[in-house]
């Protein structure tokens, strides 16, 4: 008899793999997902994949329609505003109250170093992925598994927003340098300055993303 807990663990693993692919920008908003392709690449059964699809649909990352199958969700302006509201609440607080020698500092440093290399190679999509890792590390400063899980979902939604706007250099180039500045404050133990800098950073990012979204909607009518 198959162990139902083992099956659930596999479903969770596949759900996380697809979510991670979304965070890394491997799927575009509105893209239809092929069951045949994913069952082969992930080496799982269709039933397991469909359970993962159901999980991600509940999270708002995928959509399902009877005639079109499963597709990557397309973010709305309301969801973008909410994403940034949550980011300010979680990230700024995590920085302001961070423990000076927290190991997540090393992950922040690694993300900044990776972004610098990718930027030199003009690989702006990879710069975006490094940016995701930097902000995930900020949240890890709070030492909360619940926050980590919630923020991972939020990052997947945010990457869909960036994918929708289709201008990775414009969206990511300025913030690679801002991440470096925030890290400098963290490494100097000036956590409130880091939190204040991030608050300004997020306000600027939100304005740019919303303006880009409005231009896209105006141009496409969608």
N, C-alpha and C. Protein backbone atom coordinates (compact mmCIF):
# COMPACT_ATOMS: atom_id res chain seq x y z
N UNK A 1 0.84 -1.20 0.00
CA UNK A 1 0.00 0.00 0.00
C UNK A 1 0.88 1.25 0.00
N UNK A 2 0.52 2.24 -0.80
CA UNK A 2 1.29 3.48 -0.88
C UNK A 2 1.10 4.30 0.38
N UNK A 3 2.18 4.84 0.91
CA UNK A 3 2.12 5.69 2.09
C UNK A 3 1.58 7.06 1.69
N UNK A 4 0.38 7.46 2.19
CA UNK A 4 -0.19 8.74 1.80
C UNK A 4 0.66 9.92 2.21
N UNK A 5 1.39 9.78 3.33
CA UNK A 5 2.26 10.87 3.76
C UNK A 5 3.43 11.06 2.81
N UNK A 6 3.95 9.94 2.29
CA UNK A 6 5.05 10.02 1.33
C UNK A 6 4.58 10.70 0.05
N UNK A 7 3.35 10.37 -0.37
CA UNK A 7 2.80 11.00 -1.57
C UNK A 7 2.61 12.50 -1.36
N UNK A 8 2.13 12.86 -0.16
CA UNK A 8 1.94 14.28 0.13
C UNK A 8 3.27 15.02 0.13
N UNK A 9 4.30 14.37 0.65
CA UNK A 9 5.62 14.98 0.65
C UNK A 9 6.10 15.22 -0.77
N UNK A 10 5.87 14.28 -1.66
CA UNK A 10 6.24 14.45 -3.06
C UNK A 10 5.45 15.59 -3.69
N UNK A 11 4.16 15.68 -3.39
CA UNK A 11 3.34 16.76 -3.92
C UNK A 11 3.86 18.11 -3.45
N UNK A 12 4.20 18.19 -2.16
CA UNK A 12 4.76 19.43 -1.63
C UNK A 12 6.07 19.79 -2.33
N UNK A 13 6.88 18.76 -2.58
CA UNK A 13 8.16 19.00 -3.25
C UNK A 13 7.95 19.53 -4.66
N UNK A 14 7.01 18.94 -5.39
CA UNK A 14 6.73 19.39 -6.76
C UNK A 14 6.14 20.80 -6.74
N UNK A 15 5.26 21.06 -5.78
CA UNK A 15 4.69 22.40 -5.64
C UNK A 15 5.80 23.42 -5.44
N UNK A 16 6.75 23.10 -4.56
CA UNK A 16 7.86 24.02 -4.29
C UNK A 16 8.76 24.17 -5.52
N UNK A 17 8.97 23.11 -6.27
CA UNK A 17 9.81 23.20 -7.47
C UNK A 17 9.19 24.15 -8.49
N UNK A 18 7.90 24.03 -8.69
CA UNK A 18 7.23 24.91 -9.66
C UNK A 18 7.22 26.34 -9.14
N UNK A 19 6.96 26.50 -7.84
CA UNK A 19 6.99 27.84 -7.25
C UNK A 19 8.37 28.46 -7.42
N UNK A 20 9.41 27.67 -7.21
CA UNK A 20 10.77 28.16 -7.37
C UNK A 20 11.03 28.56 -8.82
N UNK A 21 10.50 27.80 -9.76
CA UNK A 21 10.65 28.15 -11.17
C UNK A 21 9.98 29.49 -11.47
N UNK A 22 8.85 29.74 -10.82
CA UNK A 22 8.18 31.03 -10.99
C UNK A 22 9.03 32.16 -10.42
N UNK A 23 9.61 31.96 -9.24
CA UNK A 23 10.47 32.97 -8.63
C UNK A 23 11.69 33.25 -9.51
N UNK A 24 12.20 32.22 -10.17
CA UNK A 24 13.37 32.38 -11.03
C UNK A 24 13.03 32.92 -12.42
N UNK A 25 11.75 33.18 -12.66
CA UNK A 25 11.35 33.76 -13.94
C UNK A 25 11.33 32.78 -15.09
N UNK A 26 11.18 31.49 -14.80
CA UNK A 26 11.22 30.49 -15.86
C UNK A 26 9.89 30.34 -16.60
N UNK A 27 8.82 30.87 -16.01
CA UNK A 27 7.51 30.84 -16.66
C UNK A 27 6.98 32.27 -16.76
N UNK A 28 6.30 32.56 -17.85
CA UNK A 28 5.78 33.91 -18.07
C UNK A 28 4.32 34.00 -17.67
N UNK A 29 3.87 35.18 -17.23
CA UNK A 29 2.44 35.36 -16.92
C UNK A 29 1.57 35.02 -18.12
N UNK A 30 0.52 34.24 -17.89
CA UNK A 30 -0.37 33.84 -18.97
C UNK A 30 0.07 32.60 -19.72
N UNK A 31 1.29 32.12 -19.48
CA UNK A 31 1.80 30.94 -20.20
C UNK A 31 1.04 29.69 -19.80
N UNK A 32 0.61 28.91 -20.77
CA UNK A 32 -0.04 27.64 -20.48
C UNK A 32 1.01 26.60 -20.12
N UNK A 33 0.70 25.77 -19.13
CA UNK A 33 1.63 24.76 -18.66
C UNK A 33 1.21 23.39 -19.19
N UNK A 34 2.16 22.71 -19.79
CA UNK A 34 1.90 21.40 -20.38
C UNK A 34 2.11 20.30 -19.35
N UNK A 35 1.06 19.52 -19.10
CA UNK A 35 1.19 18.39 -18.17
C UNK A 35 2.23 17.40 -18.66
N UNK A 36 2.19 17.11 -19.95
CA UNK A 36 3.11 16.10 -20.50
C UNK A 36 4.57 16.53 -20.32
N UNK A 37 4.85 17.81 -20.59
CA UNK A 37 6.22 18.31 -20.47
C UNK A 37 6.69 18.31 -19.02
N UNK A 38 5.83 18.77 -18.11
CA UNK A 38 6.23 18.88 -16.71
C UNK A 38 6.32 17.52 -16.02
N UNK A 39 5.43 16.58 -16.36
CA UNK A 39 5.55 15.26 -15.74
C UNK A 39 6.87 14.60 -16.13
N UNK A 40 7.30 14.86 -17.36
CA UNK A 40 8.56 14.29 -17.82
C UNK A 40 9.75 14.99 -17.17
N UNK A 41 9.74 16.32 -17.15
CA UNK A 41 10.89 17.05 -16.62
C UNK A 41 11.02 16.90 -15.10
N UNK A 42 9.89 16.78 -14.41
CA UNK A 42 9.91 16.63 -12.96
C UNK A 42 9.93 15.17 -12.52
N UNK A 43 9.70 14.26 -13.48
CA UNK A 43 9.70 12.82 -13.23
C UNK A 43 8.66 12.44 -12.16
N UNK A 44 7.43 12.89 -12.39
CA UNK A 44 6.33 12.58 -11.48
C UNK A 44 5.12 12.14 -12.30
N UNK A 45 4.14 11.60 -11.60
CA UNK A 45 2.91 11.18 -12.26
C UNK A 45 2.02 12.38 -12.54
N UNK A 46 1.05 12.21 -13.41
CA UNK A 46 0.11 13.29 -13.69
C UNK A 46 -0.73 13.62 -12.47
N UNK A 47 -1.07 12.61 -11.68
CA UNK A 47 -1.87 12.87 -10.48
C UNK A 47 -1.11 13.77 -9.50
N UNK A 48 0.18 13.48 -9.31
CA UNK A 48 0.99 14.31 -8.41
C UNK A 48 1.09 15.73 -8.96
N UNK A 49 1.32 15.85 -10.25
CA UNK A 49 1.42 17.18 -10.86
C UNK A 49 0.11 17.95 -10.72
N UNK A 50 -1.01 17.27 -10.92
CA UNK A 50 -2.30 17.95 -10.81
C UNK A 50 -2.56 18.42 -9.39
N UNK A 51 -2.11 17.64 -8.40
CA UNK A 51 -2.25 18.07 -7.01
C UNK A 51 -1.41 19.32 -6.77
N UNK A 52 -0.20 19.34 -7.33
CA UNK A 52 0.66 20.52 -7.20
C UNK A 52 0.00 21.72 -7.88
N UNK A 53 -0.59 21.50 -9.06
CA UNK A 53 -1.31 22.57 -9.75
C UNK A 53 -2.44 23.12 -8.87
N UNK A 54 -3.17 22.22 -8.20
CA UNK A 54 -4.26 22.67 -7.34
C UNK A 54 -3.72 23.53 -6.19
N UNK A 55 -2.59 23.11 -5.61
CA UNK A 55 -1.99 23.90 -4.53
C UNK A 55 -1.63 25.30 -5.01
N UNK A 56 -1.00 25.37 -6.17
CA UNK A 56 -0.53 26.65 -6.69
C UNK A 56 -1.69 27.52 -7.18
N UNK A 57 -2.78 26.88 -7.59
CA UNK A 57 -3.97 27.63 -7.97
C UNK A 57 -4.59 28.28 -6.73
N UNK A 58 -4.62 27.54 -5.62
CA UNK A 58 -5.13 28.10 -4.37
C UNK A 58 -4.27 29.28 -3.91
N UNK A 59 -2.98 29.21 -4.20
CA UNK A 59 -2.07 30.30 -3.82
C UNK A 59 -2.18 31.50 -4.75
N UNK A 60 -2.91 31.35 -5.85
CA UNK A 60 -3.07 32.46 -6.79
C UNK A 60 -1.96 32.57 -7.82
N UNK A 61 -1.08 31.56 -7.89
CA UNK A 61 0.03 31.62 -8.84
C UNK A 61 -0.33 31.01 -10.19
N UNK A 62 -1.29 30.11 -10.21
CA UNK A 62 -1.77 29.50 -11.44
C UNK A 62 -3.27 29.71 -11.55
N UNK A 63 -3.79 29.56 -12.76
CA UNK A 63 -5.23 29.60 -12.98
C UNK A 63 -5.63 28.36 -13.75
N UNK A 64 -6.88 27.95 -13.59
CA UNK A 64 -7.37 26.78 -14.31
C UNK A 64 -8.71 27.11 -14.94
N UNK A 65 -8.83 26.78 -16.22
CA UNK A 65 -10.11 26.93 -16.89
C UNK A 65 -10.42 25.63 -17.61
N UNK A 66 -11.70 25.22 -17.66
CA UNK A 66 -12.08 23.92 -18.22
C UNK A 66 -11.60 23.71 -19.66
N UNK A 67 -11.59 24.74 -20.46
CA UNK A 67 -11.27 24.56 -21.87
C UNK A 67 -9.81 24.86 -22.21
N UNK A 68 -9.12 25.58 -21.32
CA UNK A 68 -7.75 25.99 -21.63
C UNK A 68 -6.71 25.32 -20.75
N UNK A 69 -7.13 24.63 -19.72
CA UNK A 69 -6.17 23.96 -18.84
C UNK A 69 -5.56 24.91 -17.83
N UNK A 70 -4.31 24.64 -17.46
CA UNK A 70 -3.63 25.40 -16.41
C UNK A 70 -2.69 26.42 -17.04
N UNK A 71 -2.71 27.63 -16.50
CA UNK A 71 -1.83 28.69 -17.00
C UNK A 71 -1.27 29.47 -15.82
N UNK A 72 -0.16 30.16 -16.08
CA UNK A 72 0.43 31.03 -15.05
C UNK A 72 -0.47 32.25 -14.87
N UNK A 73 -0.69 32.65 -13.63
CA UNK A 73 -1.57 33.78 -13.34
C UNK A 73 -0.99 35.09 -13.88
N UNK A 74 -1.88 36.00 -14.20
CA UNK A 74 -1.49 37.34 -14.65
C UNK A 74 -1.82 38.32 -13.51
N UNK A 75 -0.83 39.02 -12.97
CA UNK A 75 -1.08 39.90 -11.83
C UNK A 75 -1.98 41.08 -12.19
N UNK A 76 -2.70 41.58 -11.20
CA UNK A 76 -3.53 42.78 -11.35
C UNK A 76 -2.87 43.95 -10.64
N UNK A 77 -3.33 45.16 -10.92
CA UNK A 77 -2.78 46.33 -10.23
C UNK A 77 -3.05 46.23 -8.73
N UNK A 78 -4.23 45.74 -8.36
CA UNK A 78 -4.55 45.60 -6.94
C UNK A 78 -3.58 44.65 -6.24
N UNK A 79 -3.21 43.56 -6.92
CA UNK A 79 -2.28 42.61 -6.31
C UNK A 79 -0.88 43.22 -6.17
N UNK A 80 -0.48 44.07 -7.12
CA UNK A 80 0.83 44.73 -7.02
C UNK A 80 0.87 45.65 -5.80
N UNK A 81 -0.18 46.43 -5.62
CA UNK A 81 -0.25 47.34 -4.47
C UNK A 81 -0.19 46.55 -3.17
N UNK A 82 -0.89 45.43 -3.13
CA UNK A 82 -0.90 44.61 -1.91
C UNK A 82 0.47 43.99 -1.66
N UNK A 83 1.14 43.54 -2.72
CA UNK A 83 2.48 42.96 -2.57
C UNK A 83 3.41 43.95 -1.90
N UNK A 84 3.40 45.18 -2.36
CA UNK A 84 4.31 46.17 -1.79
C UNK A 84 3.91 46.56 -0.38
N UNK A 85 2.63 46.57 -0.09
CA UNK A 85 2.18 46.84 1.29
C UNK A 85 2.74 45.78 2.24
N UNK A 86 2.64 44.53 1.84
CA UNK A 86 3.13 43.44 2.68
C UNK A 86 4.65 43.48 2.79
N UNK A 87 5.32 43.80 1.69
CA UNK A 87 6.78 43.88 1.72
C UNK A 87 7.26 44.93 2.72
N UNK A 88 6.63 46.09 2.73
CA UNK A 88 7.04 47.12 3.68
C UNK A 88 6.85 46.65 5.12
N UNK A 89 5.74 45.98 5.37
CA UNK A 89 5.46 45.52 6.73
C UNK A 89 6.47 44.47 7.19
N UNK A 90 6.82 43.55 6.30
CA UNK A 90 7.67 42.43 6.70
C UNK A 90 9.16 42.76 6.61
N UNK A 91 9.60 43.23 5.46
CA UNK A 91 11.03 43.41 5.23
C UNK A 91 11.64 44.51 6.11
N UNK A 92 10.96 45.65 6.18
CA UNK A 92 11.52 46.76 6.96
C UNK A 92 11.61 46.40 8.44
N UNK A 93 10.61 45.70 8.93
CA UNK A 93 10.62 45.28 10.33
C UNK A 93 11.71 44.25 10.57
N UNK A 94 11.89 43.32 9.63
CA UNK A 94 12.94 42.30 9.79
C UNK A 94 14.31 42.94 9.86
N UNK A 95 14.54 43.97 9.04
CA UNK A 95 15.83 44.66 9.06
C UNK A 95 16.03 45.45 10.34
N UNK A 96 15.00 46.18 10.75
CA UNK A 96 15.13 47.05 11.92
C UNK A 96 15.43 46.25 13.19
N UNK A 97 14.93 45.01 13.26
CA UNK A 97 15.08 44.21 14.47
C UNK A 97 16.07 43.06 14.31
N UNK A 98 16.92 43.13 13.31
CA UNK A 98 17.82 42.01 13.01
C UNK A 98 18.90 41.83 14.07
N UNK A 99 19.27 40.57 14.27
CA UNK A 99 20.39 40.23 15.14
C UNK A 99 21.69 40.47 14.35
N UNK A 100 22.66 41.20 14.94
CA UNK A 100 23.85 41.63 14.18
C UNK A 100 24.62 40.52 13.48
N UNK A 101 24.69 39.34 14.08
CA UNK A 101 25.51 38.27 13.49
C UNK A 101 24.65 37.17 12.86
N UNK A 102 23.46 37.52 12.48
CA UNK A 102 22.56 36.51 11.90
C UNK A 102 23.17 35.92 10.61
N UNK A 103 23.11 34.60 10.44
CA UNK A 103 23.70 33.98 9.23
C UNK A 103 23.05 34.43 7.92
N UNK A 104 21.83 34.96 7.97
CA UNK A 104 21.21 35.44 6.73
C UNK A 104 22.00 36.58 6.11
N UNK A 105 22.83 37.26 6.91
CA UNK A 105 23.69 38.31 6.35
C UNK A 105 24.59 37.75 5.24
N UNK A 106 25.07 36.53 5.43
CA UNK A 106 25.94 35.93 4.42
C UNK A 106 25.17 35.66 3.14
N UNK A 107 23.90 35.29 3.26
CA UNK A 107 23.09 35.06 2.07
C UNK A 107 22.78 36.38 1.36
N UNK A 108 22.62 37.44 2.13
CA UNK A 108 22.47 38.77 1.52
C UNK A 108 23.73 39.15 0.74
N UNK A 109 24.89 38.91 1.33
CA UNK A 109 26.16 39.21 0.67
C UNK A 109 26.33 38.39 -0.60
N UNK A 110 25.99 37.10 -0.53
CA UNK A 110 26.12 36.25 -1.71
C UNK A 110 25.22 36.73 -2.83
N UNK A 111 23.99 37.14 -2.49
CA UNK A 111 23.06 37.63 -3.51
C UNK A 111 23.57 38.90 -4.16
N UNK A 112 24.15 39.80 -3.36
CA UNK A 112 24.71 41.04 -3.90
C UNK A 112 25.90 40.74 -4.81
N UNK A 113 26.77 39.84 -4.38
CA UNK A 113 27.94 39.48 -5.19
C UNK A 113 27.51 38.82 -6.51
N UNK A 114 26.50 37.95 -6.44
CA UNK A 114 26.00 37.31 -7.66
C UNK A 114 25.42 38.35 -8.61
N UNK A 115 24.65 39.29 -8.06
CA UNK A 115 24.03 40.31 -8.90
C UNK A 115 25.09 41.15 -9.62
N UNK A 116 26.19 41.42 -8.93
CA UNK A 116 27.27 42.21 -9.55
C UNK A 116 27.84 41.48 -10.77
N UNK A 117 28.06 40.18 -10.62
CA UNK A 117 28.59 39.39 -11.74
C UNK A 117 27.58 39.36 -12.90
N UNK A 118 26.32 39.10 -12.58
CA UNK A 118 25.29 39.04 -13.62
C UNK A 118 25.14 40.39 -14.32
N UNK A 119 25.25 41.47 -13.56
CA UNK A 119 25.12 42.81 -14.13
C UNK A 119 26.26 43.08 -15.12
N UNK A 120 27.45 42.67 -14.76
CA UNK A 120 28.60 42.85 -15.66
C UNK A 120 28.41 42.07 -16.96
N UNK A 121 27.71 40.93 -16.86
CA UNK A 121 27.44 40.11 -18.06
C UNK A 121 26.15 40.50 -18.77
N UNK A 122 25.50 41.57 -18.28
CA UNK A 122 24.24 42.05 -18.86
C UNK A 122 23.14 40.98 -18.83
N UNK A 123 23.20 40.11 -17.84
CA UNK A 123 22.19 39.06 -17.67
C UNK A 123 21.15 39.58 -16.68
N UNK A 124 20.20 40.37 -17.18
CA UNK A 124 19.30 41.08 -16.29
C UNK A 124 18.25 40.17 -15.65
N UNK A 125 17.90 39.10 -16.32
CA UNK A 125 16.99 38.14 -15.70
C UNK A 125 17.65 37.51 -14.47
N UNK A 126 18.93 37.16 -14.59
CA UNK A 126 19.66 36.59 -13.46
C UNK A 126 19.85 37.62 -12.35
N UNK A 127 20.02 38.90 -12.72
CA UNK A 127 20.07 39.97 -11.71
C UNK A 127 18.76 39.97 -10.92
N UNK A 128 17.64 39.80 -11.63
CA UNK A 128 16.35 39.73 -10.97
C UNK A 128 16.25 38.57 -10.01
N UNK A 129 16.79 37.42 -10.39
CA UNK A 129 16.78 36.25 -9.51
C UNK A 129 17.63 36.49 -8.27
N UNK A 130 18.79 37.13 -8.45
CA UNK A 130 19.63 37.48 -7.30
C UNK A 130 18.92 38.47 -6.38
N UNK A 131 18.15 39.36 -6.97
CA UNK A 131 17.37 40.32 -6.18
C UNK A 131 16.34 39.59 -5.32
N UNK A 132 15.68 38.58 -5.90
CA UNK A 132 14.74 37.78 -5.13
C UNK A 132 15.43 37.13 -3.93
N UNK A 133 16.63 36.59 -4.16
CA UNK A 133 17.37 35.93 -3.09
C UNK A 133 17.77 36.92 -2.00
N UNK A 134 18.12 38.14 -2.38
CA UNK A 134 18.49 39.17 -1.41
C UNK A 134 17.33 39.48 -0.48
N UNK A 135 16.15 39.66 -1.05
CA UNK A 135 14.99 40.03 -0.23
C UNK A 135 14.49 38.85 0.59
N UNK A 136 14.66 37.63 0.07
CA UNK A 136 14.32 36.46 0.87
C UNK A 136 15.22 36.39 2.10
N UNK A 137 16.50 36.70 1.91
CA UNK A 137 17.44 36.68 3.03
C UNK A 137 17.09 37.74 4.07
N UNK A 138 16.59 38.89 3.63
CA UNK A 138 16.15 39.91 4.58
C UNK A 138 15.06 39.35 5.50
N UNK A 139 14.10 38.68 4.91
CA UNK A 139 13.00 38.12 5.71
C UNK A 139 13.51 37.02 6.63
N UNK A 140 14.51 36.28 6.19
CA UNK A 140 15.07 35.22 7.03
C UNK A 140 15.71 35.78 8.30
N UNK A 141 16.03 37.08 8.32
CA UNK A 141 16.55 37.71 9.53
C UNK A 141 15.55 37.63 10.68
N UNK A 142 14.26 37.48 10.36
CA UNK A 142 13.22 37.45 11.39
C UNK A 142 13.09 36.09 12.08
N UNK A 143 13.75 35.07 11.55
CA UNK A 143 13.72 33.72 12.15
C UNK A 143 12.31 33.18 12.33
N UNK A 144 11.48 33.31 11.30
CA UNK A 144 10.11 32.79 11.35
C UNK A 144 9.85 31.94 10.12
N UNK A 145 9.63 30.65 10.32
CA UNK A 145 9.34 29.77 9.19
C UNK A 145 8.03 30.17 8.51
N UNK A 146 7.06 30.65 9.29
CA UNK A 146 5.79 31.07 8.71
C UNK A 146 5.99 32.26 7.78
N UNK A 147 6.79 33.24 8.23
CA UNK A 147 7.08 34.39 7.38
C UNK A 147 7.86 33.97 6.14
N UNK A 148 8.81 33.07 6.31
CA UNK A 148 9.60 32.60 5.16
C UNK A 148 8.69 31.97 4.11
N UNK A 149 7.75 31.12 4.56
CA UNK A 149 6.85 30.43 3.62
C UNK A 149 5.94 31.44 2.93
N UNK A 150 5.41 32.39 3.68
CA UNK A 150 4.53 33.38 3.08
C UNK A 150 5.28 34.27 2.10
N UNK A 151 6.51 34.63 2.46
CA UNK A 151 7.27 35.53 1.60
C UNK A 151 7.73 34.84 0.33
N UNK A 152 7.98 33.54 0.40
CA UNK A 152 8.33 32.79 -0.80
C UNK A 152 7.20 32.86 -1.82
N UNK A 153 5.98 32.75 -1.34
CA UNK A 153 4.81 32.88 -2.21
C UNK A 153 4.72 34.29 -2.78
N UNK A 154 4.96 35.28 -1.94
CA UNK A 154 4.90 36.67 -2.40
C UNK A 154 5.96 36.94 -3.46
N UNK A 155 7.16 36.38 -3.29
CA UNK A 155 8.21 36.57 -4.29
C UNK A 155 7.82 35.97 -5.64
N UNK A 156 7.14 34.83 -5.61
CA UNK A 156 6.69 34.23 -6.86
C UNK A 156 5.70 35.16 -7.57
N UNK A 157 4.79 35.77 -6.79
CA UNK A 157 3.85 36.73 -7.37
C UNK A 157 4.59 37.94 -7.92
N UNK A 158 5.59 38.42 -7.17
CA UNK A 158 6.35 39.58 -7.61
C UNK A 158 7.10 39.30 -8.91
N UNK A 159 7.64 38.09 -9.03
CA UNK A 159 8.38 37.77 -10.26
C UNK A 159 7.43 37.72 -11.45
N UNK A 160 6.19 37.31 -11.21
CA UNK A 160 5.19 37.35 -12.29
C UNK A 160 4.93 38.79 -12.72
N UNK A 161 4.92 39.70 -11.76
CA UNK A 161 4.75 41.12 -12.10
C UNK A 161 5.90 41.57 -13.00
N UNK A 162 7.13 41.25 -12.61
CA UNK A 162 8.28 41.64 -13.42
C UNK A 162 8.22 41.00 -14.80
N UNK A 163 7.81 39.74 -14.86
CA UNK A 163 7.70 39.06 -16.15
C UNK A 163 6.66 39.69 -17.04
N UNK A 164 5.59 40.17 -16.44
CA UNK A 164 4.52 40.81 -17.20
C UNK A 164 5.01 42.09 -17.85
N UNK A 165 5.88 42.83 -17.16
CA UNK A 165 6.34 44.13 -17.66
C UNK A 165 7.43 44.00 -18.72
N UNK A 166 8.13 42.87 -18.75
CA UNK A 166 9.05 42.51 -19.84
C UNK A 166 10.14 43.55 -20.09
N UNK A 167 10.73 44.08 -19.04
CA UNK A 167 11.85 45.01 -19.18
C UNK A 167 12.80 44.82 -18.01
N UNK A 168 13.50 43.67 -17.97
CA UNK A 168 14.29 43.34 -16.78
C UNK A 168 15.41 44.33 -16.47
N UNK A 169 16.06 44.89 -17.48
CA UNK A 169 17.13 45.84 -17.19
C UNK A 169 16.57 47.08 -16.51
N UNK A 170 15.49 47.62 -17.03
CA UNK A 170 14.86 48.80 -16.45
C UNK A 170 14.40 48.53 -15.03
N UNK A 171 13.89 47.32 -14.79
CA UNK A 171 13.31 47.01 -13.49
C UNK A 171 14.36 46.65 -12.44
N UNK A 172 15.48 46.06 -12.86
CA UNK A 172 16.42 45.52 -11.88
C UNK A 172 17.74 46.29 -11.76
N UNK A 173 18.17 47.00 -12.80
CA UNK A 173 19.48 47.64 -12.77
C UNK A 173 19.65 48.61 -11.59
N UNK A 174 18.70 49.52 -11.32
CA UNK A 174 18.92 50.48 -10.23
C UNK A 174 18.97 49.82 -8.85
N UNK A 175 18.26 48.70 -8.70
CA UNK A 175 18.09 48.13 -7.37
C UNK A 175 19.24 47.23 -6.96
N UNK A 176 20.04 46.80 -7.93
CA UNK A 176 21.23 46.04 -7.57
C UNK A 176 22.16 46.92 -6.73
N UNK A 177 22.31 48.19 -7.13
CA UNK A 177 23.14 49.11 -6.36
C UNK A 177 22.50 49.46 -5.02
N UNK A 178 21.18 49.59 -5.00
CA UNK A 178 20.49 49.89 -3.75
C UNK A 178 20.63 48.74 -2.76
N UNK A 179 20.60 47.51 -3.26
CA UNK A 179 20.81 46.36 -2.39
C UNK A 179 22.19 46.42 -1.75
N UNK A 180 23.19 46.83 -2.52
CA UNK A 180 24.54 46.95 -1.98
C UNK A 180 24.58 47.98 -0.85
N UNK A 181 23.88 49.09 -1.03
CA UNK A 181 23.87 50.14 -0.01
C UNK A 181 23.20 49.63 1.27
N UNK A 182 22.09 48.94 1.12
CA UNK A 182 21.41 48.38 2.29
C UNK A 182 22.31 47.39 3.01
N UNK A 183 23.00 46.56 2.24
CA UNK A 183 23.91 45.58 2.85
C UNK A 183 25.04 46.27 3.60
N UNK A 184 25.54 47.38 3.08
CA UNK A 184 26.58 48.13 3.79
C UNK A 184 26.11 48.58 5.17
N UNK A 185 24.88 49.05 5.24
CA UNK A 185 24.32 49.43 6.55
C UNK A 185 24.24 48.22 7.47
N UNK A 186 23.78 47.10 6.92
CA UNK A 186 23.64 45.88 7.74
C UNK A 186 24.99 45.43 8.26
N UNK A 187 25.98 45.41 7.40
CA UNK A 187 27.31 44.94 7.81
C UNK A 187 27.97 45.90 8.80
N UNK A 188 27.53 47.16 8.80
CA UNK A 188 28.03 48.14 9.78
C UNK A 188 27.21 48.12 11.06
N UNK A 189 26.16 47.27 11.11
CA UNK A 189 25.32 47.19 12.30
C UNK A 189 24.31 48.31 12.41
N UNK A 190 24.10 49.05 11.33
CA UNK A 190 23.16 50.17 11.34
C UNK A 190 21.82 49.72 10.76
N UNK A 191 21.11 48.94 11.54
CA UNK A 191 19.92 48.26 11.02
C UNK A 191 18.74 49.21 10.79
N UNK A 192 18.60 50.23 11.61
CA UNK A 192 17.50 51.17 11.37
C UNK A 192 17.74 51.97 10.10
N UNK A 193 19.00 52.34 9.83
CA UNK A 193 19.31 53.02 8.57
C UNK A 193 19.02 52.09 7.39
N UNK A 194 19.33 50.82 7.56
CA UNK A 194 19.03 49.85 6.49
C UNK A 194 17.53 49.76 6.26
N UNK A 195 16.75 49.73 7.34
CA UNK A 195 15.29 49.65 7.22
C UNK A 195 14.73 50.91 6.56
N UNK A 196 15.26 52.09 6.94
CA UNK A 196 14.79 53.34 6.35
C UNK A 196 15.13 53.40 4.86
N UNK A 197 16.33 52.93 4.51
CA UNK A 197 16.73 52.91 3.10
C UNK A 197 15.84 51.97 2.30
N UNK A 198 15.50 50.82 2.89
CA UNK A 198 14.63 49.87 2.21
C UNK A 198 13.23 50.43 2.04
N UNK A 199 12.74 51.16 3.02
CA UNK A 199 11.42 51.77 2.91
C UNK A 199 11.36 52.72 1.72
N UNK A 200 12.39 53.56 1.56
CA UNK A 200 12.44 54.47 0.41
C UNK A 200 12.57 53.69 -0.89
N UNK A 201 13.38 52.67 -0.87
CA UNK A 201 13.62 51.78 -2.02
C UNK A 201 12.29 51.18 -2.49
N UNK A 202 11.52 50.65 -1.55
CA UNK A 202 10.26 49.99 -1.92
C UNK A 202 9.24 50.99 -2.45
N UNK A 203 9.24 52.19 -1.89
CA UNK A 203 8.32 53.22 -2.39
C UNK A 203 8.66 53.58 -3.84
N UNK A 204 9.94 53.72 -4.13
CA UNK A 204 10.36 54.03 -5.49
C UNK A 204 10.04 52.88 -6.44
N UNK A 205 10.35 51.65 -5.99
CA UNK A 205 10.09 50.47 -6.82
C UNK A 205 8.60 50.35 -7.13
N UNK A 206 7.76 50.57 -6.13
CA UNK A 206 6.32 50.47 -6.35
C UNK A 206 5.84 51.48 -7.38
N UNK A 207 6.32 52.71 -7.28
CA UNK A 207 5.92 53.74 -8.25
C UNK A 207 6.30 53.35 -9.67
N UNK A 208 7.53 52.85 -9.82
CA UNK A 208 8.02 52.49 -11.15
C UNK A 208 7.23 51.30 -11.71
N UNK A 209 7.00 50.30 -10.87
CA UNK A 209 6.28 49.10 -11.32
C UNK A 209 4.84 49.45 -11.70
N UNK A 210 4.16 50.25 -10.87
CA UNK A 210 2.78 50.62 -11.17
C UNK A 210 2.69 51.47 -12.43
N UNK A 211 3.65 52.37 -12.63
CA UNK A 211 3.65 53.18 -13.84
C UNK A 211 3.88 52.31 -15.07
N UNK A 212 4.80 51.36 -14.96
CA UNK A 212 5.07 50.45 -16.08
C UNK A 212 3.85 49.59 -16.38
N UNK A 213 3.19 49.14 -15.31
CA UNK A 213 1.98 48.32 -15.48
C UNK A 213 0.89 49.13 -16.18
N UNK A 214 0.71 50.37 -15.77
CA UNK A 214 -0.31 51.22 -16.38
C UNK A 214 -0.01 51.46 -17.85
N UNK A 215 1.26 51.66 -18.18
CA UNK A 215 1.62 51.86 -19.60
C UNK A 215 1.33 50.59 -20.40
N UNK A 216 1.63 49.43 -19.82
CA UNK A 216 1.37 48.18 -20.54
C UNK A 216 -0.10 47.99 -20.78
N UNK A 217 -0.92 48.23 -19.74
CA UNK A 217 -2.36 48.07 -19.89
C UNK A 217 -2.91 49.07 -20.91
N UNK A 218 -2.37 50.28 -20.89
CA UNK A 218 -2.82 51.28 -21.86
C UNK A 218 -2.48 50.91 -23.29
N UNK A 219 -1.30 50.24 -23.44
CA UNK A 219 -0.85 49.88 -24.78
C UNK A 219 -1.57 48.64 -25.34
N UNK A 220 -1.88 47.71 -24.43
CA UNK A 220 -2.46 46.44 -24.88
C UNK A 220 -3.97 46.38 -24.71
N UNK A 221 -4.49 47.19 -23.80
CA UNK A 221 -5.92 47.14 -23.50
C UNK A 221 -6.29 45.97 -22.62
N UNK A 222 -5.29 45.26 -22.04
CA UNK A 222 -5.54 44.10 -21.18
C UNK A 222 -5.27 44.44 -19.72
